[in-house]
Amino acid sequence: MTATSQTPPAHQSVKAIARVARVATEVAQPPLVLSLLLILASVKGGDTAWHVSLVPGMIAALTICLVPLLAVVVLAKRGTLTDHHVGDKKQRRPVMLWTLGSALIGCAILATIGASTQVWALIAGILCGILTLIVISPIWKMSGHALTLGGTATASVLIFGWWGLPFVVAAPLVCWSRVYLGDHTTSQVSVGFITGVIVFGVSCGLILS
């Protein structure tokens, strides 16, 4: 192989950084992060065997996060939505509205079968976050990733204490990835993160206190 055919080290570094940013954005997209936290909160707050305590968390994860995510992915593949991150701010309010509807169905089920205080605290933060995005998204493309990571960083510490630190550590990486990939500006990410900290902190704090 000649020297001219080799990939320059600088180019390799750029590609590696871009790959890290893309992985961070995809792995830590809001429905997946919130699903994990709901399940962990359900197991921690349960007073029965872990596999029984898991049920409310799974129901919450499915109705609030995973079913809406599946709908978004299908609509994005059909071309109805720009992409599975819903890059067009005009499309975000309808997505958030049907997510809210699905979440309320999940809340009705959980009110019937029961769920721990930790799960309800987290759901309160999620619902307030959804309402915030419904109001702001048509006007300004605030980062949903940043709002979620700011919220989960706060909620995880309130619920798990020191065990919630992995969510805190992941937050700045994900926020950086949104700016690096050009999906959001620094201000959109910063405001989203601060909003998430406040919304989840207040909602979870009130229920857990």
N, C-alpha and C. Protein backbone atom coordinates (compact mmCIF):
# COMPACT_ATOMS: atom_id res chain seq x y z
N MET A 1 0.85 -1.19 0.00
CA MET A 1 0.00 0.00 0.00
C MET A 1 0.88 1.24 0.00
N THR A 2 0.62 2.15 -0.88
CA THR A 2 1.43 3.37 -0.96
C THR A 2 0.98 4.37 0.09
N ALA A 3 1.86 5.35 0.33
CA ALA A 3 1.58 6.36 1.34
C ALA A 3 0.35 7.18 0.97
N THR A 4 0.15 7.40 -0.35
CA THR A 4 -0.97 8.24 -0.78
C THR A 4 -2.31 7.55 -0.60
N SER A 5 -2.31 6.20 -0.52
CA SER A 5 -3.57 5.47 -0.39
C SER A 5 -4.00 5.28 1.05
N GLN A 6 -3.10 5.62 1.97
CA GLN A 6 -3.42 5.46 3.38
C GLN A 6 -4.29 6.61 3.86
N THR A 7 -5.19 6.30 4.80
CA THR A 7 -6.04 7.33 5.38
C THR A 7 -5.23 8.16 6.37
N PRO A 8 -5.20 9.48 6.21
CA PRO A 8 -4.44 10.33 7.13
C PRO A 8 -4.92 10.14 8.56
N PRO A 9 -4.00 10.15 9.53
CA PRO A 9 -4.38 9.97 10.95
C PRO A 9 -5.42 10.98 11.39
N ALA A 10 -5.32 12.23 10.92
CA ALA A 10 -6.28 13.25 11.33
C ALA A 10 -7.69 12.89 10.86
N HIS A 11 -7.78 12.35 9.65
CA HIS A 11 -9.09 11.95 9.11
C HIS A 11 -9.65 10.78 9.91
N GLN A 12 -8.78 9.85 10.29
CA GLN A 12 -9.22 8.72 11.10
C GLN A 12 -9.75 9.19 12.45
N SER A 13 -9.10 10.19 13.03
CA SER A 13 -9.55 10.73 14.32
C SER A 13 -10.92 11.37 14.20
N VAL A 14 -11.11 12.11 13.12
CA VAL A 14 -12.41 12.76 12.90
C VAL A 14 -13.51 11.71 12.75
N LYS A 15 -13.22 10.65 12.01
CA LYS A 15 -14.21 9.60 11.83
C LYS A 15 -14.51 8.90 13.15
N ALA A 16 -13.48 8.69 13.97
CA ALA A 16 -13.67 8.03 15.27
C ALA A 16 -14.52 8.90 16.19
N ILE A 17 -14.26 10.20 16.20
CA ILE A 17 -15.04 11.12 17.04
C ILE A 17 -16.49 11.16 16.58
N ALA A 18 -16.69 11.21 15.26
CA ALA A 18 -18.05 11.22 14.73
C ALA A 18 -18.79 9.93 15.08
N ARG A 19 -18.06 8.81 15.09
CA ARG A 19 -18.67 7.53 15.43
C ARG A 19 -19.11 7.53 16.90
N VAL A 20 -18.26 8.06 17.77
CA VAL A 20 -18.60 8.16 19.19
C VAL A 20 -19.85 9.01 19.39
N ALA A 21 -19.90 10.14 18.67
CA ALA A 21 -21.05 11.04 18.78
C ALA A 21 -22.32 10.36 18.31
N ARG A 22 -22.24 9.63 17.20
CA ARG A 22 -23.42 8.96 16.67
C ARG A 22 -23.90 7.85 17.60
N VAL A 23 -22.96 7.08 18.15
CA VAL A 23 -23.33 6.00 19.08
C VAL A 23 -23.98 6.59 20.33
N ALA A 24 -23.41 7.67 20.86
CA ALA A 24 -23.97 8.31 22.05
C ALA A 24 -25.39 8.78 21.80
N THR A 25 -25.61 9.39 20.64
CA THR A 25 -26.94 9.89 20.29
C THR A 25 -27.96 8.77 20.14
N GLU A 26 -27.56 7.66 19.53
CA GLU A 26 -28.50 6.58 19.28
C GLU A 26 -28.76 5.75 20.54
N VAL A 27 -27.70 5.41 21.26
CA VAL A 27 -27.86 4.57 22.45
C VAL A 27 -28.62 5.31 23.55
N ALA A 28 -28.36 6.62 23.67
CA ALA A 28 -28.97 7.40 24.75
C ALA A 28 -30.15 8.24 24.26
N GLN A 29 -30.85 7.77 23.23
CA GLN A 29 -32.04 8.51 22.82
C GLN A 29 -33.10 8.39 23.91
N PRO A 30 -33.91 9.42 24.11
CA PRO A 30 -34.81 9.51 25.28
C PRO A 30 -35.63 8.27 25.59
N PRO A 31 -36.33 7.64 24.63
CA PRO A 31 -37.15 6.49 25.00
C PRO A 31 -36.34 5.35 25.62
N LEU A 32 -35.13 5.13 25.14
CA LEU A 32 -34.31 4.03 25.66
C LEU A 32 -33.80 4.34 27.06
N VAL A 33 -33.31 5.56 27.26
CA VAL A 33 -32.80 5.95 28.58
C VAL A 33 -33.91 5.92 29.62
N LEU A 34 -35.06 6.47 29.28
CA LEU A 34 -36.18 6.51 30.22
C LEU A 34 -36.73 5.12 30.50
N SER A 35 -36.74 4.25 29.49
CA SER A 35 -37.19 2.87 29.71
C SER A 35 -36.30 2.17 30.72
N LEU A 36 -35.00 2.32 30.56
CA LEU A 36 -34.07 1.70 31.50
C LEU A 36 -34.28 2.23 32.91
N LEU A 37 -34.44 3.53 33.04
CA LEU A 37 -34.60 4.13 34.37
C LEU A 37 -35.92 3.70 35.01
N LEU A 38 -36.99 3.61 34.21
CA LEU A 38 -38.29 3.17 34.74
C LEU A 38 -38.21 1.74 35.28
N ILE A 39 -37.53 0.88 34.55
CA ILE A 39 -37.40 -0.52 34.97
C ILE A 39 -36.56 -0.61 36.24
N LEU A 40 -35.45 0.11 36.29
CA LEU A 40 -34.59 0.09 37.48
C LEU A 40 -35.32 0.66 38.69
N ALA A 41 -36.08 1.74 38.48
CA ALA A 41 -36.83 2.35 39.57
C ALA A 41 -37.91 1.40 40.08
N SER A 42 -38.52 0.64 39.17
CA SER A 42 -39.56 -0.31 39.55
C SER A 42 -38.99 -1.43 40.41
N VAL A 43 -37.83 -1.95 40.02
CA VAL A 43 -37.20 -3.02 40.79
C VAL A 43 -36.76 -2.51 42.17
N LYS A 44 -36.19 -1.31 42.21
CA LYS A 44 -35.72 -0.76 43.48
C LYS A 44 -36.88 -0.49 44.44
N GLY A 45 -37.98 0.02 43.90
CA GLY A 45 -39.09 0.40 44.78
C GLY A 45 -40.03 -0.74 45.11
N GLY A 46 -39.87 -1.89 44.47
CA GLY A 46 -40.78 -3.00 44.71
C GLY A 46 -40.54 -3.66 46.05
N ASP A 47 -41.62 -4.16 46.65
CA ASP A 47 -41.49 -4.86 47.93
C ASP A 47 -41.77 -6.35 47.77
N THR A 48 -41.70 -6.84 46.54
CA THR A 48 -41.88 -8.26 46.26
C THR A 48 -40.64 -8.76 45.52
N ALA A 49 -40.70 -9.98 45.02
CA ALA A 49 -39.59 -10.55 44.25
C ALA A 49 -39.31 -9.66 43.05
N TRP A 50 -38.04 -9.60 42.63
CA TRP A 50 -37.64 -8.65 41.60
C TRP A 50 -38.41 -8.83 40.30
N HIS A 51 -38.70 -10.11 39.94
CA HIS A 51 -39.39 -10.34 38.68
C HIS A 51 -40.85 -9.87 38.74
N VAL A 52 -41.41 -9.80 39.95
CA VAL A 52 -42.76 -9.25 40.11
C VAL A 52 -42.70 -7.73 40.11
N SER A 53 -41.70 -7.18 40.79
CA SER A 53 -41.52 -5.73 40.84
C SER A 53 -41.21 -5.15 39.47
N LEU A 54 -40.70 -6.00 38.59
CA LEU A 54 -40.33 -5.56 37.24
C LEU A 54 -41.55 -5.18 36.39
N VAL A 55 -42.70 -5.77 36.69
CA VAL A 55 -43.88 -5.62 35.83
C VAL A 55 -44.33 -4.17 35.67
N PRO A 56 -44.52 -3.39 36.75
CA PRO A 56 -44.93 -2.00 36.55
C PRO A 56 -43.93 -1.19 35.71
N GLY A 57 -42.64 -1.43 35.92
CA GLY A 57 -41.63 -0.74 35.13
C GLY A 57 -41.70 -1.09 33.66
N MET A 58 -41.96 -2.36 33.37
CA MET A 58 -42.08 -2.78 31.98
C MET A 58 -43.30 -2.15 31.31
N ILE A 59 -44.41 -2.13 32.05
CA ILE A 59 -45.63 -1.51 31.49
C ILE A 59 -45.39 -0.03 31.23
N ALA A 60 -44.76 0.65 32.19
CA ALA A 60 -44.46 2.08 32.02
C ALA A 60 -43.53 2.30 30.85
N ALA A 61 -42.49 1.48 30.74
CA ALA A 61 -41.53 1.62 29.65
C ALA A 61 -42.20 1.42 28.29
N LEU A 62 -43.07 0.41 28.19
CA LEU A 62 -43.73 0.12 26.93
C LEU A 62 -44.68 1.24 26.51
N THR A 63 -45.55 1.66 27.43
CA THR A 63 -46.59 2.62 27.07
C THR A 63 -46.06 4.04 26.93
N ILE A 64 -45.09 4.41 27.76
CA ILE A 64 -44.59 5.79 27.75
C ILE A 64 -43.46 5.98 26.74
N CYS A 65 -42.67 4.95 26.53
CA CYS A 65 -41.44 5.12 25.73
C CYS A 65 -41.40 4.27 24.46
N LEU A 66 -41.54 2.97 24.61
CA LEU A 66 -41.21 2.07 23.50
C LEU A 66 -42.29 2.02 22.42
N VAL A 67 -43.56 2.03 22.80
CA VAL A 67 -44.62 2.04 21.78
C VAL A 67 -44.58 3.34 20.96
N PRO A 68 -44.47 4.52 21.61
CA PRO A 68 -44.31 5.75 20.81
C PRO A 68 -43.06 5.74 19.93
N LEU A 69 -41.95 5.18 20.46
CA LEU A 69 -40.73 5.10 19.66
C LEU A 69 -40.94 4.24 18.43
N LEU A 70 -41.60 3.11 18.60
CA LEU A 70 -41.87 2.22 17.46
C LEU A 70 -42.71 2.94 16.41
N ALA A 71 -43.70 3.71 16.87
CA ALA A 71 -44.55 4.46 15.93
C ALA A 71 -43.73 5.48 15.16
N VAL A 72 -42.81 6.16 15.85
CA VAL A 72 -41.96 7.16 15.21
C VAL A 72 -41.04 6.51 14.17
N VAL A 73 -40.45 5.38 14.53
CA VAL A 73 -39.55 4.67 13.61
C VAL A 73 -40.31 4.25 12.35
N VAL A 74 -41.51 3.70 12.52
CA VAL A 74 -42.31 3.26 11.36
C VAL A 74 -42.66 4.45 10.48
N LEU A 75 -43.10 5.56 11.08
CA LEU A 75 -43.49 6.74 10.31
C LEU A 75 -42.28 7.38 9.62
N ALA A 76 -41.12 7.31 10.28
CA ALA A 76 -39.91 7.84 9.65
C ALA A 76 -39.52 7.01 8.44
N LYS A 77 -39.65 5.69 8.54
CA LYS A 77 -39.32 4.83 7.41
C LYS A 77 -40.29 5.04 6.24
N ARG A 78 -41.52 5.42 6.55
CA ARG A 78 -42.51 5.68 5.51
C ARG A 78 -42.37 7.08 4.92
N GLY A 79 -41.54 7.91 5.55
CA GLY A 79 -41.34 9.26 5.06
C GLY A 79 -42.30 10.28 5.62
N THR A 80 -43.18 9.84 6.54
CA THR A 80 -44.13 10.77 7.15
C THR A 80 -43.41 11.74 8.09
N LEU A 81 -42.39 11.23 8.78
CA LEU A 81 -41.55 12.05 9.66
C LEU A 81 -40.16 12.16 9.05
N THR A 82 -39.45 13.22 9.37
CA THR A 82 -38.12 13.43 8.80
C THR A 82 -37.15 12.31 9.16
N ASP A 83 -37.15 11.91 10.41
CA ASP A 83 -36.26 10.85 10.91
C ASP A 83 -36.75 10.43 12.28
N HIS A 84 -36.11 9.39 12.86
CA HIS A 84 -36.61 8.88 14.13
C HIS A 84 -36.29 9.79 15.31
N HIS A 85 -35.47 10.84 15.07
CA HIS A 85 -35.25 11.85 16.11
C HIS A 85 -36.18 13.05 15.91
N VAL A 86 -37.01 13.00 14.88
CA VAL A 86 -37.98 14.05 14.55
C VAL A 86 -37.26 15.41 14.49
N GLY A 87 -36.41 15.55 13.48
CA GLY A 87 -35.60 16.75 13.34
C GLY A 87 -36.37 18.01 13.00
N ASP A 88 -37.54 17.86 12.38
CA ASP A 88 -38.37 19.01 12.04
C ASP A 88 -39.20 19.41 13.24
N LYS A 89 -38.97 20.61 13.76
CA LYS A 89 -39.66 21.02 14.99
C LYS A 89 -41.17 21.09 14.81
N LYS A 90 -41.64 21.31 13.57
CA LYS A 90 -43.08 21.37 13.33
C LYS A 90 -43.75 20.02 13.53
N GLN A 91 -42.98 18.93 13.42
CA GLN A 91 -43.55 17.60 13.58
C GLN A 91 -43.52 17.12 15.02
N ARG A 92 -42.88 17.88 15.89
CA ARG A 92 -42.66 17.39 17.25
C ARG A 92 -43.92 17.43 18.12
N ARG A 93 -44.75 18.47 17.96
CA ARG A 93 -45.94 18.54 18.81
C ARG A 93 -46.86 17.34 18.60
N PRO A 94 -47.21 16.95 17.35
CA PRO A 94 -48.05 15.75 17.19
C PRO A 94 -47.42 14.50 17.81
N VAL A 95 -46.11 14.35 17.64
CA VAL A 95 -45.44 13.18 18.23
C VAL A 95 -45.56 13.20 19.74
N MET A 96 -45.34 14.37 20.35
CA MET A 96 -45.44 14.49 21.80
C MET A 96 -46.87 14.27 22.29
N LEU A 97 -47.85 14.70 21.49
CA LEU A 97 -49.25 14.53 21.89
C LEU A 97 -49.65 13.06 21.92
N TRP A 98 -49.22 12.29 20.88
CA TRP A 98 -49.60 10.88 20.93
C TRP A 98 -48.76 10.13 21.96
N THR A 99 -47.56 10.62 22.24
CA THR A 99 -46.78 10.04 23.33
C THR A 99 -47.47 10.28 24.66
N LEU A 100 -48.01 11.48 24.84
CA LEU A 100 -48.75 11.80 26.06
C LEU A 100 -49.97 10.91 26.20
N GLY A 101 -50.69 10.70 25.09
CA GLY A 101 -51.85 9.83 25.13
C GLY A 101 -51.50 8.41 25.53
N SER A 102 -50.43 7.88 24.95
CA SER A 102 -49.97 6.53 25.29
C SER A 102 -49.53 6.47 26.75
N ALA A 103 -48.87 7.53 27.22
CA ALA A 103 -48.41 7.58 28.61
C ALA A 103 -49.58 7.58 29.57
N LEU A 104 -50.63 8.29 29.24
CA LEU A 104 -51.80 8.34 30.12
C LEU A 104 -52.50 6.98 30.19
N ILE A 105 -52.48 6.25 29.08
CA ILE A 105 -53.01 4.88 29.11
C ILE A 105 -52.18 4.03 30.07
N GLY A 106 -50.86 4.18 29.98
CA GLY A 106 -49.98 3.46 30.90
C GLY A 106 -50.24 3.83 32.34
N CYS A 107 -50.47 5.11 32.60
CA CYS A 107 -50.76 5.57 33.96
C CYS A 107 -52.05 4.94 34.49
N ALA A 108 -53.05 4.81 33.61
CA ALA A 108 -54.31 4.20 34.02
C ALA A 108 -54.11 2.73 34.41
N ILE A 109 -53.28 2.04 33.63
CA ILE A 109 -52.99 0.63 33.95
C ILE A 109 -52.25 0.53 35.27
N LEU A 110 -51.26 1.39 35.46
CA LEU A 110 -50.47 1.35 36.69
C LEU A 110 -51.29 1.74 37.91
N ALA A 111 -52.24 2.65 37.72
CA ALA A 111 -53.11 3.02 38.84
C ALA A 111 -53.96 1.83 39.28
N THR A 112 -54.22 0.91 38.34
CA THR A 112 -55.02 -0.28 38.65
C THR A 112 -54.19 -1.36 39.32
N ILE A 113 -53.00 -1.62 38.78
CA ILE A 113 -52.20 -2.73 39.31
C ILE A 113 -51.24 -2.28 40.41
N GLY A 114 -50.97 -0.97 40.48
CA GLY A 114 -50.07 -0.45 41.50
C GLY A 114 -48.65 -0.30 40.99
N ALA A 115 -47.97 0.71 41.47
CA ALA A 115 -46.56 0.95 41.14
C ALA A 115 -45.91 1.66 42.32
N SER A 116 -44.60 1.55 42.41
CA SER A 116 -43.88 2.13 43.53
C SER A 116 -43.84 3.65 43.43
N THR A 117 -43.54 4.28 44.56
CA THR A 117 -43.40 5.73 44.59
C THR A 117 -42.31 6.20 43.64
N GLN A 118 -41.23 5.43 43.55
CA GLN A 118 -40.12 5.80 42.66
C GLN A 118 -40.57 5.84 41.21
N VAL A 119 -41.39 4.88 40.81
CA VAL A 119 -41.88 4.85 39.43
C VAL A 119 -42.79 6.04 39.17
N TRP A 120 -43.69 6.34 40.09
CA TRP A 120 -44.59 7.47 39.92
C TRP A 120 -43.83 8.79 39.90
N ALA A 121 -42.78 8.88 40.70
CA ALA A 121 -41.96 10.09 40.71
C ALA A 121 -41.31 10.31 39.34
N LEU A 122 -40.81 9.24 38.77
CA LEU A 122 -40.17 9.33 37.46
C LEU A 122 -41.20 9.64 36.38
N ILE A 123 -42.37 9.02 36.46
CA ILE A 123 -43.42 9.28 35.49
C ILE A 123 -43.85 10.75 35.55
N ALA A 124 -43.92 11.31 36.74
CA ALA A 124 -44.29 12.72 36.89
C ALA A 124 -43.29 13.61 36.15
N GLY A 125 -42.01 13.29 36.30
CA GLY A 125 -40.99 14.05 35.59
C GLY A 125 -41.12 13.91 34.09
N ILE A 126 -41.39 12.69 33.62
CA ILE A 126 -41.54 12.45 32.18
C ILE A 126 -42.73 13.21 31.62
N LEU A 127 -43.86 13.14 32.31
CA LEU A 127 -45.06 13.83 31.83
C LEU A 127 -44.85 15.34 31.77
N CYS A 128 -44.18 15.89 32.78
CA CYS A 128 -43.89 17.33 32.77
C CYS A 128 -42.92 17.67 31.63
N GLY A 129 -41.99 16.78 31.36
CA GLY A 129 -41.07 16.98 30.25
C GLY A 129 -41.79 16.96 28.91
N ILE A 130 -42.72 16.02 28.75
CA ILE A 130 -43.51 15.93 27.52
C ILE A 130 -44.33 17.21 27.32
N LEU A 131 -44.97 17.68 28.38
CA LEU A 131 -45.77 18.90 28.29
C LEU A 131 -44.90 20.10 27.93
N THR A 132 -43.70 20.14 28.48
CA THR A 132 -42.77 21.23 28.15
C THR A 132 -42.43 21.23 26.67
N LEU A 133 -42.15 20.05 26.12
CA LEU A 133 -41.82 19.94 24.70
C LEU A 133 -43.02 20.26 23.81
N ILE A 134 -44.22 19.89 24.26
CA ILE A 134 -45.42 20.22 23.49
C ILE A 134 -45.57 21.73 23.34
N VAL A 135 -45.26 22.45 24.41
CA VAL A 135 -45.41 23.91 24.39
C VAL A 135 -44.30 24.58 23.59
N ILE A 136 -43.05 24.12 23.78
CA ILE A 136 -41.89 24.83 23.23
C ILE A 136 -41.52 24.39 21.82
N SER A 137 -41.68 23.10 21.50
CA SER A 137 -41.15 22.56 20.25
C SER A 137 -41.62 23.28 18.98
N PRO A 138 -42.90 23.65 18.86
CA PRO A 138 -43.30 24.34 17.62
C PRO A 138 -42.65 25.71 17.45
N ILE A 139 -42.16 26.28 18.55
CA ILE A 139 -41.56 27.61 18.52
C ILE A 139 -40.05 27.53 18.38
N TRP A 140 -39.46 26.59 19.10
CA TRP A 140 -38.00 26.52 19.19
C TRP A 140 -37.58 25.07 19.34
N LYS A 141 -36.54 24.67 18.66
CA LYS A 141 -36.11 23.27 18.63
C LYS A 141 -35.20 22.94 19.83
N MET A 142 -35.78 23.01 21.01
CA MET A 142 -35.04 22.63 22.21
C MET A 142 -34.73 21.14 22.16
N SER A 143 -33.55 20.76 22.63
CA SER A 143 -33.11 19.38 22.53
C SER A 143 -33.85 18.46 23.50
N GLY A 144 -34.56 17.48 22.93
CA GLY A 144 -35.21 16.48 23.76
C GLY A 144 -34.19 15.55 24.41
N HIS A 145 -33.11 15.26 23.70
CA HIS A 145 -32.03 14.45 24.29
C HIS A 145 -31.49 15.13 25.55
N ALA A 146 -31.19 16.42 25.44
CA ALA A 146 -30.60 17.14 26.56
C ALA A 146 -31.59 17.25 27.72
N LEU A 147 -32.86 17.51 27.40
CA LEU A 147 -33.87 17.58 28.46
C LEU A 147 -33.94 16.24 29.20
N THR A 148 -33.97 15.15 28.43
CA THR A 148 -34.06 13.82 29.04
C THR A 148 -32.83 13.49 29.87
N LEU A 149 -31.64 13.78 29.34
CA LEU A 149 -30.43 13.45 30.08
C LEU A 149 -30.28 14.32 31.32
N GLY A 150 -30.66 15.59 31.22
CA GLY A 150 -30.65 16.44 32.41
C GLY A 150 -31.63 15.92 33.45
N GLY A 151 -32.80 15.50 32.97
CA GLY A 151 -33.81 14.97 33.87
C GLY A 151 -33.41 13.65 34.51
N THR A 152 -32.90 12.72 33.70
CA THR A 152 -32.52 11.42 34.24
C THR A 152 -31.31 11.52 35.16
N ALA A 153 -30.40 12.44 34.87
CA ALA A 153 -29.27 12.64 35.77
C ALA A 153 -29.76 13.07 37.14
N THR A 154 -30.73 13.96 37.16
CA THR A 154 -31.29 14.44 38.43
C THR A 154 -32.12 13.38 39.12
N ALA A 155 -33.04 12.76 38.36
CA ALA A 155 -33.93 11.75 38.93
C ALA A 155 -33.16 10.53 39.44
N SER A 156 -32.14 10.12 38.70
CA SER A 156 -31.39 8.92 39.10
C SER A 156 -30.68 9.13 40.43
N VAL A 157 -30.16 10.33 40.65
CA VAL A 157 -29.50 10.62 41.93
C VAL A 157 -30.53 10.66 43.06
N LEU A 158 -31.69 11.26 42.79
CA LEU A 158 -32.74 11.33 43.81
C LEU A 158 -33.25 9.93 44.18
N ILE A 159 -33.33 9.05 43.18
CA ILE A 159 -33.89 7.71 43.42
C ILE A 159 -32.84 6.72 43.89
N PHE A 160 -31.66 6.75 43.27
CA PHE A 160 -30.65 5.73 43.54
C PHE A 160 -29.45 6.22 44.35
N GLY A 161 -29.35 7.52 44.59
CA GLY A 161 -28.18 8.06 45.28
C GLY A 161 -26.94 7.95 44.41
N TRP A 162 -25.84 7.49 45.00
CA TRP A 162 -24.58 7.39 44.26
C TRP A 162 -24.66 6.43 43.08
N TRP A 163 -25.57 5.46 43.14
CA TRP A 163 -25.70 4.51 42.04
C TRP A 163 -26.24 5.17 40.77
N GLY A 164 -26.75 6.39 40.90
CA GLY A 164 -27.25 7.10 39.73
C GLY A 164 -26.18 7.86 38.97
N LEU A 165 -24.94 7.80 39.43
CA LEU A 165 -23.86 8.57 38.79
C LEU A 165 -23.62 8.22 37.32
N PRO A 166 -23.80 6.96 36.88
CA PRO A 166 -23.60 6.69 35.45
C PRO A 166 -24.47 7.57 34.55
N PHE A 167 -25.69 7.87 34.98
CA PHE A 167 -26.55 8.74 34.19
C PHE A 167 -26.01 10.17 34.18
N VAL A 168 -25.43 10.57 35.31
CA VAL A 168 -24.83 11.91 35.41
C VAL A 168 -23.63 12.02 34.47
N VAL A 169 -22.79 10.99 34.44
CA VAL A 169 -21.60 10.99 33.60
C VAL A 169 -21.98 10.96 32.12
N ALA A 170 -23.04 10.23 31.78
CA ALA A 170 -23.45 10.12 30.38
C ALA A 170 -24.03 11.41 29.83
N ALA A 171 -24.60 12.23 30.69
CA ALA A 171 -25.32 13.44 30.24
C ALA A 171 -24.46 14.38 29.39
N PRO A 172 -23.27 14.81 29.85
CA PRO A 172 -22.49 15.73 29.03
C PRO A 172 -22.04 15.13 27.70
N LEU A 173 -21.77 13.82 27.67
CA LEU A 173 -21.37 13.17 26.42
C LEU A 173 -22.49 13.25 25.40
N VAL A 174 -23.71 12.95 25.83
CA VAL A 174 -24.85 12.98 24.91
C VAL A 174 -25.14 14.41 24.45
N CYS A 175 -25.07 15.35 25.37
CA CYS A 175 -25.31 16.75 25.01
C CYS A 175 -24.28 17.22 23.97
N TRP A 176 -23.03 16.86 24.20
CA TRP A 176 -21.97 17.20 23.23
C TRP A 176 -22.26 16.59 21.88
N SER A 177 -22.74 15.33 21.85
CA SER A 177 -22.98 14.64 20.59
C SER A 177 -24.04 15.34 19.75
N ARG A 178 -25.05 15.91 20.41
CA ARG A 178 -26.12 16.58 19.67
C ARG A 178 -25.60 17.83 18.95
N VAL A 179 -24.69 18.54 19.61
CA VAL A 179 -24.10 19.72 18.99
C VAL A 179 -23.10 19.32 17.92
N TYR A 180 -22.27 18.33 18.21
CA TYR A 180 -21.23 17.89 17.27
C TYR A 180 -21.84 17.40 15.96
N LEU A 181 -22.96 16.70 16.05
CA LEU A 181 -23.60 16.15 14.86
C LEU A 181 -24.42 17.20 14.11
N GLY A 182 -24.51 18.40 14.65
CA GLY A 182 -25.24 19.47 14.00
C GLY A 182 -26.74 19.38 14.13
N ASP A 183 -27.22 18.54 15.04
CA ASP A 183 -28.67 18.41 15.22
C ASP A 183 -29.25 19.54 16.07
N HIS A 184 -28.41 20.14 16.91
CA HIS A 184 -28.86 21.23 17.78
C HIS A 184 -27.72 22.23 17.96
N THR A 185 -28.11 23.44 18.34
CA THR A 185 -27.11 24.44 18.72
C THR A 185 -26.76 24.27 20.19
N THR A 186 -25.69 24.94 20.60
CA THR A 186 -25.28 24.88 22.00
C THR A 186 -26.37 25.42 22.91
N SER A 187 -27.04 26.48 22.51
CA SER A 187 -28.10 27.06 23.34
C SER A 187 -29.29 26.12 23.45
N GLN A 188 -29.64 25.44 22.36
CA GLN A 188 -30.77 24.49 22.40
C GLN A 188 -30.48 23.33 23.34
N VAL A 189 -29.23 22.89 23.36
CA VAL A 189 -28.84 21.80 24.26
C VAL A 189 -28.75 22.29 25.70
N SER A 190 -28.16 23.45 25.90
CA SER A 190 -27.99 23.97 27.26
C SER A 190 -29.33 24.23 27.93
N VAL A 191 -30.23 24.88 27.19
CA VAL A 191 -31.55 25.17 27.75
C VAL A 191 -32.32 23.87 28.00
N GLY A 192 -32.19 22.91 27.08
CA GLY A 192 -32.85 21.63 27.27
C GLY A 192 -32.36 20.92 28.51
N PHE A 193 -31.05 20.92 28.72
CA PHE A 193 -30.48 20.24 29.89
C PHE A 193 -30.96 20.90 31.18
N ILE A 194 -30.88 22.21 31.24
CA ILE A 194 -31.30 22.94 32.46
C ILE A 194 -32.79 22.72 32.72
N THR A 195 -33.58 22.75 31.65
CA THR A 195 -35.02 22.51 31.79
C THR A 195 -35.29 21.12 32.36
N GLY A 196 -34.56 20.13 31.85
CA GLY A 196 -34.73 18.76 32.35
C GLY A 196 -34.38 18.64 33.81
N VAL A 197 -33.30 19.27 34.22
CA VAL A 197 -32.89 19.24 35.63
C VAL A 197 -33.99 19.83 36.51
N ILE A 198 -34.53 20.97 36.10
CA ILE A 198 -35.56 21.65 36.89
C ILE A 198 -36.86 20.85 36.91
N VAL A 199 -37.33 20.45 35.72
CA VAL A 199 -38.62 19.77 35.62
C VAL A 199 -38.61 18.44 36.37
N PHE A 200 -37.61 17.62 36.12
CA PHE A 200 -37.54 16.32 36.79
C PHE A 200 -37.21 16.49 38.28
N GLY A 201 -36.33 17.44 38.58
CA GLY A 201 -35.95 17.65 39.97
C GLY A 201 -37.13 18.04 40.83
N VAL A 202 -37.94 18.99 40.34
CA VAL A 202 -39.11 19.44 41.10
C VAL A 202 -40.17 18.33 41.18
N SER A 203 -40.47 17.72 40.03
CA SER A 203 -41.53 16.69 39.99
C SER A 203 -41.17 15.49 40.86
N CYS A 204 -39.97 14.96 40.65
CA CYS A 204 -39.55 13.79 41.43
C CYS A 204 -39.37 14.14 42.90
N GLY A 205 -38.81 15.31 43.16
CA GLY A 205 -38.58 15.71 44.55
C GLY A 205 -39.86 15.82 45.34
N LEU A 206 -40.90 16.38 44.73
CA LEU A 206 -42.17 16.54 45.43
C LEU A 206 -42.80 15.20 45.78
N ILE A 207 -42.72 14.25 44.86
CA ILE A 207 -43.34 12.94 45.11
C ILE A 207 -42.51 12.09 46.05
N LEU A 208 -41.21 12.19 45.97
CA LEU A 208 -40.34 11.38 46.82
C LEU A 208 -40.22 11.93 48.24
N SER A 209 -40.54 13.21 48.41
CA SER A 209 -40.37 13.83 49.75
C SER A 209 -41.44 13.35 50.73
